[in-house]
Amino acid sequence: PNPLVSPYLAPNLDIFPPVYLNAGAEDALLPQTLKMTQKFADAGVSTTLSVVPDVDHEFLQLDPKLPDVAAEWERMLRWLAAHTGAKGVDAALAGLPSAAT
């Protein structure tokens, strides 16, 4: 097993910056996402997990007009802005359909 192939095996996860992980509830890789979330948390890394109901692994490639897809893009972009100071998040969100519509 090589940590370059599987970050789950990395001995130094504690050096990671805050992490945002997401998965669909129907994602075949959800168990691995949950395990990786726990590994980061156990290493003391600020970790956010978002599990989106009723979607699979590639749901972010679906039409952003779909409410669950739009909502996750908004969560990710707002998290990114909050944790990195990234600019332009509001402009990026303006280009996405509202999750409320």
PDB file of N, CA and C in Angstrom:
ATOM      1  N   PRO A   1       0.829  -1.201   0.000  1.00  0.00           N
ATOM      2  CA  PRO A   1       0.000   0.000   0.000  1.00  0.00           C
ATOM      3  C   PRO A   1       0.870   1.260   0.000  1.00  0.00           C
ATOM      4  N   ASN A   2       0.497   2.176  -0.853  1.00  0.00           N
ATOM      5  CA  ASN A   2       1.281   3.380  -1.045  1.00  0.00           C
ATOM      6  C   ASN A   2       0.407   4.615  -0.790  1.00  0.00           C
ATOM      7  N   PRO A   3       0.827   5.521   0.112  1.00  0.00           N
ATOM      8  CA  PRO A   3       0.021   6.715   0.382  1.00  0.00           C
ATOM      9  C   PRO A   3      -0.098   7.649  -0.821  1.00  0.00           C
ATOM     10  N   LEU A   4       0.781   7.499  -1.817  1.00  0.00           N
ATOM     11  CA  LEU A   4       0.644   8.309  -3.027  1.00  0.00           C
ATOM     12  C   LEU A   4      -0.524   7.817  -3.878  1.00  0.00           C
ATOM     13  N   VAL A   5      -0.892   6.561  -3.698  1.00  0.00           N
ATOM     14  CA  VAL A   5      -2.028   5.985  -4.406  1.00  0.00           C
ATOM     15  C   VAL A   5      -3.299   6.132  -3.569  1.00  0.00           C
ATOM     16  N   SER A   6      -3.152   6.001  -2.269  1.00  0.00           N
ATOM     17  CA  SER A   6      -4.291   6.098  -1.363  1.00  0.00           C
ATOM     18  C   SER A   6      -3.957   7.032  -0.209  1.00  0.00           C
ATOM     19  N   PRO A   7      -4.432   8.273  -0.267  1.00  0.00           N
ATOM     20  CA  PRO A   7      -4.142   9.219   0.820  1.00  0.00           C
ATOM     21  C   PRO A   7      -4.603   8.705   2.181  1.00  0.00           C
ATOM     22  N   TYR A   8      -5.513   7.777   2.201  1.00  0.00           N
ATOM     23  CA  TYR A   8      -5.977   7.194   3.452  1.00  0.00           C
ATOM     24  C   TYR A   8      -4.807   6.617   4.252  1.00  0.00           C
ATOM     25  N   LEU A   9      -3.771   6.191   3.554  1.00  0.00           N
ATOM     26  CA  LEU A   9      -2.611   5.567   4.198  1.00  0.00           C
ATOM     27  C   LEU A   9      -1.527   6.563   4.593  1.00  0.00           C
ATOM     28  N   ALA A  10      -1.705   7.822   4.259  1.00  0.00           N
ATOM     29  CA  ALA A  10      -0.666   8.821   4.541  1.00  0.00           C
ATOM     30  C   ALA A  10      -0.442   8.955   6.050  1.00  0.00           C
ATOM     31  N   PRO A  11       0.819   8.983   6.461  1.00  0.00           N
ATOM     32  CA  PRO A  11       1.118   9.075   7.889  1.00  0.00           C
ATOM     33  C   PRO A  11       1.027  10.506   8.429  1.00  0.00           C
ATOM     34  N   ASN A  12       0.879  11.481   7.545  1.00  0.00           N
ATOM     35  CA  ASN A  12       0.973  12.879   7.978  1.00  0.00           C
ATOM     36  C   ASN A  12      -0.264  13.705   7.606  1.00  0.00           C
ATOM     37  N   LEU A  13      -1.429  13.146   7.779  1.00  0.00           N
ATOM     38  CA  LEU A  13      -2.655  13.875   7.441  1.00  0.00           C
ATOM     39  C   LEU A  13      -2.806  15.145   8.274  1.00  0.00           C
ATOM     40  N   ASP A  14      -2.145  15.194   9.417  1.00  0.00           N
ATOM     41  CA  ASP A  14      -2.259  16.355  10.294  1.00  0.00           C
ATOM     42  C   ASP A  14      -1.707  17.642   9.680  1.00  0.00           C
ATOM     43  N   ILE A  15      -0.960  17.546   8.592  1.00  0.00           N
ATOM     44  CA  ILE A  15      -0.420  18.755   7.957  1.00  0.00           C
ATOM     45  C   ILE A  15      -1.379  19.347   6.919  1.00  0.00           C
ATOM     46  N   PHE A  16      -2.504  18.683   6.682  1.00  0.00           N
ATOM     47  CA  PHE A  16      -3.469  19.174   5.700  1.00  0.00           C
ATOM     48  C   PHE A  16      -4.174  20.422   6.215  1.00  0.00           C
ATOM     49  N   PRO A  17      -4.514  21.313   5.298  1.00  0.00           N
ATOM     50  CA  PRO A  17      -5.359  22.455   5.660  1.00  0.00           C
ATOM     51  C   PRO A  17      -6.797  21.951   5.867  1.00  0.00           C
ATOM     52  N   PRO A  18      -7.724  22.833   6.235  1.00  0.00           N
ATOM     53  CA  PRO A  18      -9.119  22.398   6.334  1.00  0.00           C
ATOM     54  C   PRO A  18      -9.577  21.705   5.048  1.00  0.00           C
ATOM     55  N   VAL A  19     -10.419  20.697   5.219  1.00  0.00           N
ATOM     56  CA  VAL A  19     -10.820  19.837   4.114  1.00  0.00           C
ATOM     57  C   VAL A  19     -12.344  19.831   3.982  1.00  0.00           C
ATOM     58  N   TYR A  20     -12.813  19.897   2.729  1.00  0.00           N
ATOM     59  CA  TYR A  20     -14.237  19.752   2.424  1.00  0.00           C
ATOM     60  C   TYR A  20     -14.391  18.516   1.552  1.00  0.00           C
ATOM     61  N   LEU A  21     -15.156  17.557   2.024  1.00  0.00           N
ATOM     62  CA  LEU A  21     -15.419  16.343   1.264  1.00  0.00           C
ATOM     63  C   LEU A  21     -16.914  16.257   1.003  1.00  0.00           C
ATOM     64  N   ASN A  22     -17.263  15.797  -0.189  1.00  0.00           N
ATOM     65  CA  ASN A  22     -18.675  15.585  -0.465  1.00  0.00           C
ATOM     66  C   ASN A  22     -18.859  14.275  -1.213  1.00  0.00           C
ATOM     67  N   ALA A  23     -20.083  13.785  -1.108  1.00  0.00           N
ATOM     68  CA  ALA A  23     -20.455  12.542  -1.798  1.00  0.00           C
ATOM     69  C   ALA A  23     -21.960  12.520  -1.914  1.00  0.00           C
ATOM     70  N   GLY A  24     -22.416  11.744  -2.861  1.00  0.00           N
ATOM     71  CA  GLY A  24     -23.843  11.501  -2.950  1.00  0.00           C
ATOM     72  C   GLY A  24     -24.211  10.344  -2.051  1.00  0.00           C
ATOM     73  N   ALA A  25     -25.413  10.369  -1.534  1.00  0.00           N
ATOM     74  CA  ALA A  25     -25.867   9.280  -0.668  1.00  0.00           C
ATOM     75  C   ALA A  25     -25.926   7.951  -1.421  1.00  0.00           C
ATOM     76  N   GLU A  26     -26.048   8.010  -2.746  1.00  0.00           N
ATOM     77  CA  GLU A  26     -26.087   6.807  -3.569  1.00  0.00           C
ATOM     78  C   GLU A  26     -24.728   6.506  -4.212  1.00  0.00           C
ATOM     79  N   ASP A  27     -23.703   7.199  -3.779  1.00  0.00           N
ATOM     80  CA  ASP A  27     -22.350   7.096  -4.327  1.00  0.00           C
ATOM     81  C   ASP A  27     -21.714   5.775  -3.892  1.00  0.00           C
ATOM     82  N   ALA A  28     -21.210   5.017  -4.841  1.00  0.00           N
ATOM     83  CA  ALA A  28     -20.529   3.762  -4.511  1.00  0.00           C
ATOM     84  C   ALA A  28     -19.282   4.010  -3.657  1.00  0.00           C
ATOM     85  N   LEU A  29     -18.746   5.226  -3.714  1.00  0.00           N
ATOM     86  CA  LEU A  29     -17.550   5.559  -2.935  1.00  0.00           C
ATOM     87  C   LEU A  29     -17.866   6.245  -1.607  1.00  0.00           C
ATOM     88  N   LEU A  30     -19.146   6.303  -1.237  1.00  0.00           N
ATOM     89  CA  LEU A  30     -19.511   6.930   0.035  1.00  0.00           C
ATOM     90  C   LEU A  30     -18.794   6.290   1.224  1.00  0.00           C
ATOM     91  N   PRO A  31     -18.686   4.968   1.311  1.00  0.00           N
ATOM     92  CA  PRO A  31     -17.966   4.396   2.456  1.00  0.00           C
ATOM     93  C   PRO A  31     -16.515   4.889   2.558  1.00  0.00           C
ATOM     94  N   GLN A  32     -15.837   5.029   1.421  1.00  0.00           N
ATOM     95  CA  GLN A  32     -14.467   5.521   1.439  1.00  0.00           C
ATOM     96  C   GLN A  32     -14.423   6.997   1.858  1.00  0.00           C
ATOM     97  N   THR A  33     -15.416   7.769   1.418  1.00  0.00           N
ATOM     98  CA  THR A  33     -15.481   9.182   1.803  1.00  0.00           C
ATOM     99  C   THR A  33     -15.683   9.302   3.311  1.00  0.00           C
ATOM    100  N   LEU A  34     -16.537   8.474   3.865  1.00  0.00           N
ATOM    101  CA  LEU A  34     -16.768   8.501   5.309  1.00  0.00           C
ATOM    102  C   LEU A  34     -15.504   8.118   6.075  1.00  0.00           C
ATOM    103  N   LYS A  35     -14.799   7.100   5.586  1.00  0.00           N
ATOM    104  CA  LYS A  35     -13.548   6.687   6.241  1.00  0.00           C
ATOM    105  C   LYS A  35     -12.496   7.783   6.161  1.00  0.00           C
ATOM    106  N   MET A  36     -12.389   8.443   5.008  1.00  0.00           N
ATOM    107  CA  MET A  36     -11.398   9.514   4.849  1.00  0.00           C
ATOM    108  C   MET A  36     -11.747  10.700   5.745  1.00  0.00           C
ATOM    109  N   THR A  37     -13.033  10.992   5.847  1.00  0.00           N
ATOM    110  CA  THR A  37     -13.481  12.059   6.747  1.00  0.00           C
ATOM    111  C   THR A  37     -13.039  11.760   8.170  1.00  0.00           C
ATOM    112  N   GLN A  38     -13.240  10.534   8.595  1.00  0.00           N
ATOM    113  CA  GLN A  38     -12.853  10.148   9.952  1.00  0.00           C
ATOM    114  C   GLN A  38     -11.343  10.224  10.145  1.00  0.00           C
ATOM    115  N   LYS A  39     -10.584   9.795   9.135  1.00  0.00           N
ATOM    116  CA  LYS A  39      -9.116   9.865   9.236  1.00  0.00           C
ATOM    117  C   LYS A  39      -8.646  11.308   9.407  1.00  0.00           C
ATOM    118  N   PHE A  40      -9.192  12.229   8.598  1.00  0.00           N
ATOM    119  CA  PHE A  40      -8.834  13.643   8.743  1.00  0.00           C
ATOM    120  C   PHE A  40      -9.219  14.154  10.130  1.00  0.00           C
ATOM    121  N   ALA A  41     -10.425  13.841  10.571  1.00  0.00           N
ATOM    122  CA  ALA A  41     -10.871  14.304  11.886  1.00  0.00           C
ATOM    123  C   ALA A  41      -9.976  13.742  12.995  1.00  0.00           C
ATOM    124  N   ASP A  42      -9.632  12.470  12.896  1.00  0.00           N
ATOM    125  CA  ASP A  42      -8.757  11.847  13.894  1.00  0.00           C
ATOM    126  C   ASP A  42      -7.376  12.494  13.916  1.00  0.00           C
ATOM    127  N   ALA A  43      -6.943  13.019  12.757  1.00  0.00           N
ATOM    128  CA  ALA A  43      -5.639  13.682  12.663  1.00  0.00           C
ATOM    129  C   ALA A  43      -5.709  15.132  13.124  1.00  0.00           C
ATOM    130  N   GLY A  44      -6.899  15.592  13.504  1.00  0.00           N
ATOM    131  CA  GLY A  44      -7.045  16.955  13.986  1.00  0.00           C
ATOM    132  C   GLY A  44      -7.269  17.991  12.900  1.00  0.00           C
ATOM    133  N   VAL A  45      -7.568  17.532  11.696  1.00  0.00           N
ATOM    134  CA  VAL A  45      -7.802  18.438  10.575  1.00  0.00           C
ATOM    135  C   VAL A  45      -9.262  18.898  10.618  1.00  0.00           C
ATOM    136  N   SER A  46      -9.478  20.198  10.485  1.00  0.00           N
ATOM    137  CA  SER A  46     -10.836  20.722  10.384  1.00  0.00           C
ATOM    138  C   SER A  46     -11.464  20.138   9.119  1.00  0.00           C
ATOM    139  N   THR A  47     -12.519  19.360   9.296  1.00  0.00           N
ATOM    140  CA  THR A  47     -13.085  18.594   8.187  1.00  0.00           C
ATOM    141  C   THR A  47     -14.588  18.823   8.087  1.00  0.00           C
ATOM    142  N   THR A  48     -15.029  19.126   6.888  1.00  0.00           N
ATOM    143  CA  THR A  48     -16.450  19.283   6.606  1.00  0.00           C
ATOM    144  C   THR A  48     -16.856  18.197   5.623  1.00  0.00           C
ATOM    145  N   LEU A  49     -17.947  17.513   5.943  1.00  0.00           N
ATOM    146  CA  LEU A  49     -18.487  16.479   5.062  1.00  0.00           C
ATOM    147  C   LEU A  49     -19.899  16.875   4.662  1.00  0.00           C
ATOM    148  N   SER A  50     -20.175  16.783   3.375  1.00  0.00           N
ATOM    149  CA  SER A  50     -21.514  17.013   2.853  1.00  0.00           C
ATOM    150  C   SER A  50     -21.944  15.767   2.087  1.00  0.00           C
ATOM    151  N   VAL A  51     -23.021  15.145   2.537  1.00  0.00           N
ATOM    152  CA  VAL A  51     -23.591  13.991   1.835  1.00  0.00           C
ATOM    153  C   VAL A  51     -24.927  14.444   1.266  1.00  0.00           C
ATOM    154  N   VAL A  52     -25.009  14.428  -0.052  1.00  0.00           N
ATOM    155  CA  VAL A  52     -26.185  14.926  -0.752  1.00  0.00           C
ATOM    156  C   VAL A  52     -27.126  13.759  -1.034  1.00  0.00           C
ATOM    157  N   PRO A  53     -28.389  13.872  -0.594  1.00  0.00           N
ATOM    158  CA  PRO A  53     -29.322  12.752  -0.772  1.00  0.00           C
ATOM    159  C   PRO A  53     -29.667  12.482  -2.232  1.00  0.00           C
ATOM    160  N   ASP A  54     -29.919  11.229  -2.506  1.00  0.00           N
ATOM    161  CA  ASP A  54     -30.499  10.791  -3.785  1.00  0.00           C
ATOM    162  C   ASP A  54     -29.630  11.044  -5.014  1.00  0.00           C
ATOM    163  N   VAL A  55     -28.321  11.185  -4.856  1.00  0.00           N
ATOM    164  CA  VAL A  55     -27.450  11.362  -6.020  1.00  0.00           C
ATOM    165  C   VAL A  55     -26.265  10.413  -5.921  1.00  0.00           C
ATOM    166  N   ASP A  56     -25.600  10.208  -7.074  1.00  0.00           N
ATOM    167  CA  ASP A  56     -24.463   9.297  -7.108  1.00  0.00           C
ATOM    168  C   ASP A  56     -23.139  10.060  -7.178  1.00  0.00           C
ATOM    169  N   HIS A  57     -22.109   9.376  -7.591  1.00  0.00           N
ATOM    170  CA  HIS A  57     -20.748   9.895  -7.530  1.00  0.00           C
ATOM    171  C   HIS A  57     -20.512  11.153  -8.356  1.00  0.00           C
ATOM    172  N   GLU A  58     -21.085  11.244  -9.513  1.00  0.00           N
ATOM    173  CA  GLU A  58     -20.773  12.360 -10.413  1.00  0.00           C
ATOM    174  C   GLU A  58     -21.874  13.419 -10.442  1.00  0.00           C
ATOM    175  N   PHE A  59     -22.571  13.594  -9.335  1.00  0.00           N
ATOM    176  CA  PHE A  59     -23.725  14.480  -9.337  1.00  0.00           C
ATOM    177  C   PHE A  59     -23.378  15.933  -9.632  1.00  0.00           C
ATOM    178  N   LEU A  60     -22.163  16.367  -9.336  1.00  0.00           N
ATOM    179  CA  LEU A  60     -21.800  17.762  -9.607  1.00  0.00           C
ATOM    180  C   LEU A  60     -21.654  18.044 -11.099  1.00  0.00           C
ATOM    181  N   GLN A  61     -21.663  17.000 -11.899  1.00  0.00           N
ATOM    182  CA  GLN A  61     -21.625  17.190 -13.348  1.00  0.00           C
ATOM    183  C   GLN A  61     -23.031  17.258 -13.946  1.00  0.00           C
ATOM    184  N   LEU A  62     -24.036  17.081 -13.118  1.00  0.00           N
ATOM    185  CA  LEU A  62     -25.418  17.186 -13.581  1.00  0.00           C
ATOM    186  C   LEU A  62     -25.782  18.652 -13.789  1.00  0.00           C
ATOM    187  N   ASP A  63     -26.931  18.882 -14.352  1.00  0.00           N
ATOM    188  CA  ASP A  63     -27.434  20.225 -14.617  1.00  0.00           C
ATOM    189  C   ASP A  63     -27.477  21.033 -13.315  1.00  0.00           C
ATOM    190  N   PRO A  64     -26.787  22.175 -13.265  1.00  0.00           N
ATOM    191  CA  PRO A  64     -26.779  22.977 -12.038  1.00  0.00           C
ATOM    192  C   PRO A  64     -28.133  23.609 -11.723  1.00  0.00           C
ATOM    193  N   LYS A  65     -29.116  23.427 -12.597  1.00  0.00           N
ATOM    194  CA  LYS A  65     -30.468  23.897 -12.286  1.00  0.00           C
ATOM    195  C   LYS A  65     -31.181  22.959 -11.317  1.00  0.00           C
ATOM    196  N   LEU A  66     -30.652  21.749 -11.184  1.00  0.00           N
ATOM    197  CA  LEU A  66     -31.247  20.816 -10.227  1.00  0.00           C
ATOM    198  C   LEU A  66     -30.982  21.329  -8.812  1.00  0.00           C
ATOM    199  N   PRO A  67     -32.000  21.402  -7.990  1.00  0.00           N
ATOM    200  CA  PRO A  67     -31.847  22.020  -6.671  1.00  0.00           C
ATOM    201  C   PRO A  67     -30.727  21.426  -5.808  1.00  0.00           C
ATOM    202  N   ASP A  68     -30.599  20.103  -5.762  1.00  0.00           N
ATOM    203  CA  ASP A  68     -29.547  19.498  -4.930  1.00  0.00           C
ATOM    204  C   ASP A  68     -28.152  19.833  -5.448  1.00  0.00           C
ATOM    205  N   VAL A  69     -28.012  19.892  -6.755  1.00  0.00           N
ATOM    206  CA  VAL A  69     -26.713  20.223  -7.364  1.00  0.00           C
ATOM    207  C   VAL A  69     -26.370  21.684  -7.083  1.00  0.00           C
ATOM    208  N   ALA A  70     -27.325  22.576  -7.324  1.00  0.00           N
ATOM    209  CA  ALA A  70     -27.094  24.004  -7.069  1.00  0.00           C
ATOM    210  C   ALA A  70     -26.778  24.250  -5.599  1.00  0.00           C
ATOM    211  N   ALA A  71     -27.494  23.576  -4.712  1.00  0.00           N
ATOM    212  CA  ALA A  71     -27.262  23.764  -3.278  1.00  0.00           C
ATOM    213  C   ALA A  71     -25.858  23.325  -2.878  1.00  0.00           C
ATOM    214  N   GLU A  72     -25.385  22.218  -3.450  1.00  0.00           N
ATOM    215  CA  GLU A  72     -24.037  21.760  -3.093  1.00  0.00           C
ATOM    216  C   GLU A  72     -22.964  22.691  -3.642  1.00  0.00           C
ATOM    217  N   TRP A  73     -23.154  23.195  -4.865  1.00  0.00           N
ATOM    218  CA  TRP A  73     -22.197  24.174  -5.383  1.00  0.00           C
ATOM    219  C   TRP A  73     -22.147  25.395  -4.465  1.00  0.00           C
ATOM    220  N   GLU A  74     -23.295  25.838  -3.996  1.00  0.00           N
ATOM    221  CA  GLU A  74     -23.312  26.996  -3.102  1.00  0.00           C
ATOM    222  C   GLU A  74     -22.595  26.683  -1.796  1.00  0.00           C
ATOM    223  N   ARG A  75     -22.862  25.514  -1.210  1.00  0.00           N
ATOM    224  CA  ARG A  75     -22.173  25.137   0.036  1.00  0.00           C
ATOM    225  C   ARG A  75     -20.669  25.099  -0.166  1.00  0.00           C
ATOM    226  N   MET A  76     -20.223  24.496  -1.272  1.00  0.00           N
ATOM    227  CA  MET A  76     -18.779  24.387  -1.526  1.00  0.00           C
ATOM    228  C   MET A  76     -18.135  25.758  -1.704  1.00  0.00           C
ATOM    229  N   LEU A  77     -18.765  26.599  -2.500  1.00  0.00           N
ATOM    230  CA  LEU A  77     -18.181  27.916  -2.768  1.00  0.00           C
ATOM    231  C   LEU A  77     -18.149  28.784  -1.511  1.00  0.00           C
ATOM    232  N   ARG A  78     -19.201  28.728  -0.719  1.00  0.00           N
ATOM    233  CA  ARG A  78     -19.215  29.508   0.530  1.00  0.00           C
ATOM    234  C   ARG A  78     -18.174  28.969   1.518  1.00  0.00           C
ATOM    235  N   TRP A  79     -18.030  27.654   1.573  1.00  0.00           N
ATOM    236  CA  TRP A  79     -16.998  27.059   2.437  1.00  0.00           C
ATOM    237  C   TRP A  79     -15.613  27.518   1.981  1.00  0.00           C
ATOM    238  N   LEU A  80     -15.391  27.474   0.679  1.00  0.00           N
ATOM    239  CA  LEU A  80     -14.101  27.889   0.130  1.00  0.00           C
ATOM    240  C   LEU A  80     -13.798  29.341   0.493  1.00  0.00           C
ATOM    241  N   ALA A  81     -14.775  30.204   0.336  1.00  0.00           N
ATOM    242  CA  ALA A  81     -14.575  31.613   0.672  1.00  0.00           C
ATOM    243  C   ALA A  81     -14.284  31.786   2.161  1.00  0.00           C
ATOM    244  N   ALA A  82     -15.020  31.079   2.989  1.00  0.00           N
ATOM    245  CA  ALA A  82     -14.837  31.201   4.431  1.00  0.00           C
ATOM    246  C   ALA A  82     -13.478  30.683   4.896  1.00  0.00           C
ATOM    247  N   HIS A  83     -12.961  29.659   4.232  1.00  0.00           N
ATOM    248  CA  HIS A  83     -11.711  29.034   4.682  1.00  0.00           C
ATOM    249  C   HIS A  83     -10.469  29.531   3.969  1.00  0.00           C
ATOM    250  N   THR A  84     -10.634  30.223   2.866  1.00  0.00           N
ATOM    251  CA  THR A  84      -9.451  30.667   2.118  1.00  0.00           C
ATOM    252  C   THR A  84      -9.445  32.155   1.828  1.00  0.00           C
ATOM    253  N   GLY A  85     -10.575  32.821   2.039  1.00  0.00           N
ATOM    254  CA  GLY A  85     -10.664  34.221   1.665  1.00  0.00           C
ATOM    255  C   GLY A  85     -10.818  34.414   0.167  1.00  0.00           C
ATOM    256  N   ALA A  86     -11.170  33.345  -0.532  1.00  0.00           N
ATOM    257  CA  ALA A  86     -11.318  33.416  -1.988  1.00  0.00           C
ATOM    258  C   ALA A  86     -12.296  34.518  -2.362  1.00  0.00           C
ATOM    259  N   LYS A  87     -11.963  35.245  -3.393  1.00  0.00           N
ATOM    260  CA  LYS A  87     -12.811  36.324  -3.901  1.00  0.00           C
ATOM    261  C   LYS A  87     -13.638  35.800  -5.069  1.00  0.00           C
ATOM    262  N   GLY A  88     -14.703  36.497  -5.375  1.00  0.00           N
ATOM    263  CA  GLY A  88     -15.498  36.155  -6.544  1.00  0.00           C
ATOM    264  C   GLY A  88     -16.538  35.087  -6.304  1.00  0.00           C
ATOM    265  N   VAL A  89     -16.705  34.681  -5.054  1.00  0.00           N
ATOM    266  CA  VAL A  89     -17.677  33.632  -4.770  1.00  0.00           C
ATOM    267  C   VAL A  89     -19.090  34.106  -5.095  1.00  0.00           C
ATOM    268  N   ASP A  90     -19.404  35.339  -4.710  1.00  0.00           N
ATOM    269  CA  ASP A  90     -20.751  35.844  -4.996  1.00  0.00           C
ATOM    270  C   ASP A  90     -20.996  35.895  -6.500  1.00  0.00           C
ATOM    271  N   ALA A  91     -19.981  36.272  -7.268  1.00  0.00           N
ATOM    272  CA  ALA A  91     -20.139  36.300  -8.725  1.00  0.00           C
ATOM    273  C   ALA A  91     -20.345  34.888  -9.264  1.00  0.00           C
ATOM    274  N   ALA A  92     -19.606  33.936  -8.717  1.00  0.00           N
ATOM    275  CA  ALA A  92     -19.767  32.547  -9.156  1.00  0.00           C
ATOM    276  C   ALA A  92     -21.162  32.041  -8.804  1.00  0.00           C
ATOM    277  N   LEU A  93     -21.626  32.384  -7.610  1.00  0.00           N
ATOM    278  CA  LEU A  93     -22.959  31.956  -7.198  1.00  0.00           C
ATOM    279  C   LEU A  93     -24.035  32.613  -8.040  1.00  0.00           C
ATOM    280  N   ALA A  94     -23.796  33.838  -8.453  1.00  0.00           N
ATOM    281  CA  ALA A  94     -24.776  34.533  -9.302  1.00  0.00           C
ATOM    282  C   ALA A  94     -24.966  33.811 -10.631  1.00  0.00           C
ATOM    283  N   GLY A  95     -23.950  33.069 -11.054  1.00  0.00           N
ATOM    284  CA  GLY A  95     -24.046  32.323 -12.305  1.00  0.00           C
ATOM    285  C   GLY A  95     -24.760  30.988 -12.147  1.00  0.00           C
ATOM    286  N   LEU A  96     -25.043  30.608 -10.913  1.00  0.00           N
ATOM    287  CA  LEU A  96     -25.748  29.353 -10.657  1.00  0.00           C
ATOM    288  C   LEU A  96     -27.216  29.633 -10.387  1.00  0.00           C
ATOM    289  N   PRO A  97     -28.084  28.729 -10.785  1.00  0.00           N
ATOM    290  CA  PRO A  97     -29.492  28.905 -10.428  1.00  0.00           C
ATOM    291  C   PRO A  97     -29.647  28.808  -8.917  1.00  0.00           C
ATOM    292  N   SER A  98     -30.589  29.501  -8.365  1.00  0.00           N
ATOM    293  CA  SER A  98     -30.841  29.451  -6.936  1.00  0.00           C
ATOM    294  C   SER A  98     -31.326  28.065  -6.549  1.00  0.00           C
ATOM    295  N   ALA A  99     -30.825  27.578  -5.414  1.00  0.00           N
ATOM    296  CA  ALA A  99     -31.281  26.290  -4.912  1.00  0.00           C
ATOM    297  C   ALA A  99     -32.739  26.351  -4.495  1.00  0.00           C
ATOM    298  N   ALA A 100     -33.234  27.556  -4.270  1.00  0.00           N
ATOM    299  CA  ALA A 100     -34.610  27.716  -3.814  1.00  0.00           C
ATOM    300  C   ALA A 100     -35.609  27.670  -4.963  1.00  0.00           C
ATOM    301  N   THR A 101     -35.123  27.746  -6.213  1.00  0.00           N
ATOM    302  CA  THR A 101     -36.071  27.772  -7.335  1.00  0.00           C
ATOM    303  C   THR A 101     -36.239  26.405  -7.939  1.00  0.00           C
TER     304      THR A 101
END
